[in-house]
Amino acid sequence: MGLLTAVTWTIAALIGVYLLYRWLSAGGLRGQEAKVTRFPVTLLLSHPALAAASLACWVAYLLTGSAPLAWIALCGLTVAALLGFTMFTRWLGGGRHQRRATGFPVLAVVLHGVAGVTTFALLLVTAGIARVF
């Protein structure tokens, strides 16, 4: 189950890289004139950084079997997921007409979210099996 978690995590990461590429190619931070849809830079950088660092901890757990690494990965992914949920709700809440005009890939956002939730559930179960005690 640990390997399946890594696979779903990698799928979520690849879709996330695609979304970041699309956003940056559409102007990124420069393209956000509307105050409602503006995302803080720390939010935009923390979400992928935490997810990538947590993935590295998860891979280290798979290679070493060290239970604390599994729990560190779970904690990091929890914070990254909360940041992602914050971005998703802000994206839904403001600038809907602007979003349609730029052609932001809604399907990719949904797939990224589904892959992220699936990864979180698998990680929770697998880390629960790897007891720290």
C-alpha atoms as a PDB file:
ATOM      1  CA  MET A   1       0.000   0.000   0.000  1.00  0.00           C
ATOM      2  CA  GLY A   2       2.971   2.301   0.548  1.00  0.00           C
ATOM      3  CA  LEU A   3       3.950   2.083  -3.107  1.00  0.00           C
ATOM      4  CA  LEU A   4       0.375   2.821  -4.215  1.00  0.00           C
ATOM      5  CA  THR A   5       0.472   5.905  -2.014  1.00  0.00           C
ATOM      6  CA  ALA A   6       3.667   7.038  -3.714  1.00  0.00           C
ATOM      7  CA  VAL A   7       2.084   6.502  -7.142  1.00  0.00           C
ATOM      8  CA  THR A   8      -1.041   8.541  -6.358  1.00  0.00           C
ATOM      9  CA  TRP A   9       1.146  11.203  -4.758  1.00  0.00           C
ATOM     10  CA  THR A  10       3.267  11.381  -7.914  1.00  0.00           C
ATOM     11  CA  ILE A  11       0.140  11.700 -10.076  1.00  0.00           C
ATOM     12  CA  ALA A  12      -1.100  14.561  -7.885  1.00  0.00           C
ATOM     13  CA  ALA A  13       2.331  16.197  -8.099  1.00  0.00           C
ATOM     14  CA  LEU A  14       2.472  15.941 -11.898  1.00  0.00           C
ATOM     15  CA  ILE A  15      -0.976  17.468 -12.254  1.00  0.00           C
ATOM     16  CA  GLY A  16       0.088  20.168  -9.788  1.00  0.00           C
ATOM     17  CA  VAL A  17       3.167  20.946 -11.890  1.00  0.00           C
ATOM     18  CA  TYR A  18       0.905  21.234 -14.947  1.00  0.00           C
ATOM     19  CA  LEU A  19      -1.417  23.629 -13.079  1.00  0.00           C
ATOM     20  CA  LEU A  20       1.531  25.724 -11.929  1.00  0.00           C
ATOM     21  CA  TYR A  21       2.850  25.844 -15.490  1.00  0.00           C
ATOM     22  CA  ARG A  22      -0.541  26.957 -16.844  1.00  0.00           C
ATOM     23  CA  TRP A  23      -0.871  29.590 -14.157  1.00  0.00           C
ATOM     24  CA  LEU A  24       2.642  30.943 -14.718  1.00  0.00           C
ATOM     25  CA  SER A  25       2.218  30.982 -18.502  1.00  0.00           C
ATOM     26  CA  ALA A  26      -0.982  33.020 -18.051  1.00  0.00           C
ATOM     27  CA  GLY A  27       0.910  35.707 -16.143  1.00  0.00           C
ATOM     28  CA  GLY A  28       1.188  34.210 -12.672  1.00  0.00           C
ATOM     29  CA  LEU A  29       1.368  36.857  -9.992  1.00  0.00           C
ATOM     30  CA  ARG A  30       1.397  39.646 -12.573  1.00  0.00           C
ATOM     31  CA  GLY A  31      -1.987  38.527 -13.938  1.00  0.00           C
ATOM     32  CA  GLN A  32      -3.825  38.969 -10.636  1.00  0.00           C
ATOM     33  CA  GLU A  33      -5.321  42.454 -10.697  1.00  0.00           C
ATOM     34  CA  ALA A  34      -8.529  41.483  -8.887  1.00  0.00           C
ATOM     35  CA  LYS A  35      -7.995  41.681  -5.123  1.00  0.00           C
ATOM     36  CA  VAL A  36     -10.522  38.878  -4.494  1.00  0.00           C
ATOM     37  CA  THR A  37      -8.573  36.265  -6.469  1.00  0.00           C
ATOM     38  CA  ARG A  38      -5.092  37.281  -5.304  1.00  0.00           C
ATOM     39  CA  PHE A  39      -3.181  34.485  -3.576  1.00  0.00           C
ATOM     40  CA  PRO A  40      -0.382  35.327  -1.139  1.00  0.00           C
ATOM     41  CA  VAL A  41       3.013  34.296  -2.463  1.00  0.00           C
ATOM     42  CA  THR A  42       3.729  32.299   0.697  1.00  0.00           C
ATOM     43  CA  LEU A  43       0.568  30.261   0.093  1.00  0.00           C
ATOM     44  CA  LEU A  44       1.522  29.604  -3.515  1.00  0.00           C
ATOM     45  CA  LEU A  45       5.036  28.507  -2.600  1.00  0.00           C
ATOM     46  CA  SER A  46       4.273  26.639   0.634  1.00  0.00           C
ATOM     47  CA  HIS A  47       1.725  24.229  -0.848  1.00  0.00           C
ATOM     48  CA  PRO A  48       4.045  22.576  -3.398  1.00  0.00           C
ATOM     49  CA  ALA A  49       7.139  22.885  -1.183  1.00  0.00           C
ATOM     50  CA  LEU A  50       5.491  21.084   1.728  1.00  0.00           C
ATOM     51  CA  ALA A  51       4.006  18.449  -0.548  1.00  0.00           C
ATOM     52  CA  ALA A  52       7.384  17.788  -2.198  1.00  0.00           C
ATOM     53  CA  ALA A  53       9.229  17.643   1.125  1.00  0.00           C
ATOM     54  CA  SER A  54       6.600  15.282   2.503  1.00  0.00           C
ATOM     55  CA  LEU A  55       6.882  13.084  -0.579  1.00  0.00           C
ATOM     56  CA  ALA A  56      10.643  12.910   0.013  1.00  0.00           C
ATOM     57  CA  CYS A  57       9.972  11.815   3.615  1.00  0.00           C
ATOM     58  CA  TRP A  58       7.520   9.196   2.344  1.00  0.00           C
ATOM     59  CA  VAL A  59      10.060   7.793  -0.123  1.00  0.00           C
ATOM     60  CA  ALA A  60      12.640   7.719   2.688  1.00  0.00           C
ATOM     61  CA  TYR A  61      10.100   5.822   4.812  1.00  0.00           C
ATOM     62  CA  LEU A  62       9.559   3.299   2.018  1.00  0.00           C
ATOM     63  CA  LEU A  63      13.301   2.792   1.674  1.00  0.00           C
ATOM     64  CA  THR A  64      14.146   2.602   5.394  1.00  0.00           C
ATOM     65  CA  GLY A  65      10.928   1.513   7.102  1.00  0.00           C
ATOM     66  CA  SER A  66      11.383   4.232   9.729  1.00  0.00           C
ATOM     67  CA  ALA A  67       7.933   4.897  11.225  1.00  0.00           C
ATOM     68  CA  PRO A  68       8.684   8.495  12.293  1.00  0.00           C
ATOM     69  CA  LEU A  69       9.331   9.374   8.646  1.00  0.00           C
ATOM     70  CA  ALA A  70       5.847   8.121   7.766  1.00  0.00           C
ATOM     71  CA  TRP A  71       4.326  10.345  10.439  1.00  0.00           C
ATOM     72  CA  ILE A  72       6.408  13.348   9.368  1.00  0.00           C
ATOM     73  CA  ALA A  73       5.165  12.804   5.806  1.00  0.00           C
ATOM     74  CA  LEU A  74       1.587  12.638   7.089  1.00  0.00           C
ATOM     75  CA  CYS A  75       1.955  15.855   9.085  1.00  0.00           C
ATOM     76  CA  GLY A  76       3.534  17.676   6.144  1.00  0.00           C
ATOM     77  CA  LEU A  77       0.885  16.462   3.728  1.00  0.00           C
ATOM     78  CA  THR A  78      -1.850  17.514   6.147  1.00  0.00           C
ATOM     79  CA  VAL A  79      -0.578  21.095   6.163  1.00  0.00           C
ATOM     80  CA  ALA A  80      -0.065  21.038   2.372  1.00  0.00           C
ATOM     81  CA  ALA A  81      -3.623  19.737   1.912  1.00  0.00           C
ATOM     82  CA  LEU A  82      -5.032  22.508   4.098  1.00  0.00           C
ATOM     83  CA  LEU A  83      -3.129  25.085   2.062  1.00  0.00           C
ATOM     84  CA  GLY A  84      -4.403  23.491  -1.151  1.00  0.00           C
ATOM     85  CA  PHE A  85      -7.960  23.554   0.161  1.00  0.00           C
ATOM     86  CA  THR A  86      -7.503  27.235   1.001  1.00  0.00           C
ATOM     87  CA  MET A  87      -6.370  27.973  -2.557  1.00  0.00           C
ATOM     88  CA  PHE A  88      -9.253  25.932  -3.981  1.00  0.00           C
ATOM     89  CA  THR A  89     -11.899  27.760  -1.961  1.00  0.00           C
ATOM     90  CA  ARG A  90     -10.411  31.156  -2.826  1.00  0.00           C
ATOM     91  CA  TRP A  91     -10.302  30.131  -6.486  1.00  0.00           C
ATOM     92  CA  LEU A  92     -13.964  29.114  -6.358  1.00  0.00           C
ATOM     93  CA  GLY A  93     -15.027  32.195  -4.422  1.00  0.00           C
ATOM     94  CA  GLY A  94     -13.709  34.967  -6.603  1.00  0.00           C
ATOM     95  CA  GLY A  95     -13.249  35.889 -10.232  1.00  0.00           C
ATOM     96  CA  ARG A  96     -15.370  33.172 -11.850  1.00  0.00           C
ATOM     97  CA  HIS A  97     -15.842  35.223 -15.000  1.00  0.00           C
ATOM     98  CA  GLN A  98     -12.124  35.917 -15.207  1.00  0.00           C
ATOM     99  CA  ARG A  99     -11.324  32.229 -14.761  1.00  0.00           C
ATOM    100  CA  ARG A 100     -13.509  31.243 -17.716  1.00  0.00           C
ATOM    101  CA  ALA A 101     -11.911  33.926 -19.839  1.00  0.00           C
ATOM    102  CA  THR A 102      -8.385  32.635 -19.163  1.00  0.00           C
ATOM    103  CA  GLY A 103      -9.385  29.014 -19.800  1.00  0.00           C
ATOM    104  CA  PHE A 104      -7.925  27.625 -16.562  1.00  0.00           C
ATOM    105  CA  PRO A 105      -8.279  23.823 -16.718  1.00  0.00           C
ATOM    106  CA  VAL A 106     -11.079  22.979 -14.287  1.00  0.00           C
ATOM    107  CA  LEU A 107     -10.702  19.255 -14.994  1.00  0.00           C
ATOM    108  CA  ALA A 108      -7.037  19.383 -13.957  1.00  0.00           C
ATOM    109  CA  VAL A 109      -7.978  21.167 -10.722  1.00  0.00           C
ATOM    110  CA  VAL A 110     -10.561  18.487  -9.940  1.00  0.00           C
ATOM    111  CA  LEU A 111      -8.169  15.639 -10.802  1.00  0.00           C
ATOM    112  CA  HIS A 112      -5.431  17.211  -8.673  1.00  0.00           C
ATOM    113  CA  GLY A 113      -7.831  17.448  -5.746  1.00  0.00           C
ATOM    114  CA  VAL A 114      -9.101  13.880  -6.157  1.00  0.00           C
ATOM    115  CA  ALA A 115      -5.555  12.539  -6.409  1.00  0.00           C
ATOM    116  CA  GLY A 116      -4.575  14.573  -3.348  1.00  0.00           C
ATOM    117  CA  VAL A 117      -7.487  13.326  -1.237  1.00  0.00           C
ATOM    118  CA  THR A 118      -6.818   9.749  -2.338  1.00  0.00           C
ATOM    119  CA  THR A 119      -3.145  10.138  -1.437  1.00  0.00           C
ATOM    120  CA  PHE A 120      -4.032  11.576   1.957  1.00  0.00           C
ATOM    121  CA  ALA A 121      -6.409   8.697   2.730  1.00  0.00           C
ATOM    122  CA  LEU A 122      -3.856   6.077   1.680  1.00  0.00           C
ATOM    123  CA  LEU A 123      -1.129   7.821   3.652  1.00  0.00           C
ATOM    124  CA  LEU A 124      -3.314   8.016   6.748  1.00  0.00           C
ATOM    125  CA  VAL A 125      -4.043   4.284   6.611  1.00  0.00           C
ATOM    126  CA  THR A 126      -0.461   3.310   5.863  1.00  0.00           C
ATOM    127  CA  ALA A 127       1.037   5.613   8.498  1.00  0.00           C
ATOM    128  CA  GLY A 128      -1.508   4.258  10.970  1.00  0.00           C
ATOM    129  CA  ILE A 129      -0.164   0.782  10.322  1.00  0.00           C
ATOM    130  CA  ALA A 130       3.397   2.038  10.899  1.00  0.00           C
ATOM    131  CA  ARG A 131       3.061   2.723  14.623  1.00  0.00           C
ATOM    132  CA  VAL A 132       5.501   5.121  16.208  1.00  0.00           C
ATOM    133  CA  PHE A 133       5.332   3.559  19.682  1.00  0.00           C
END
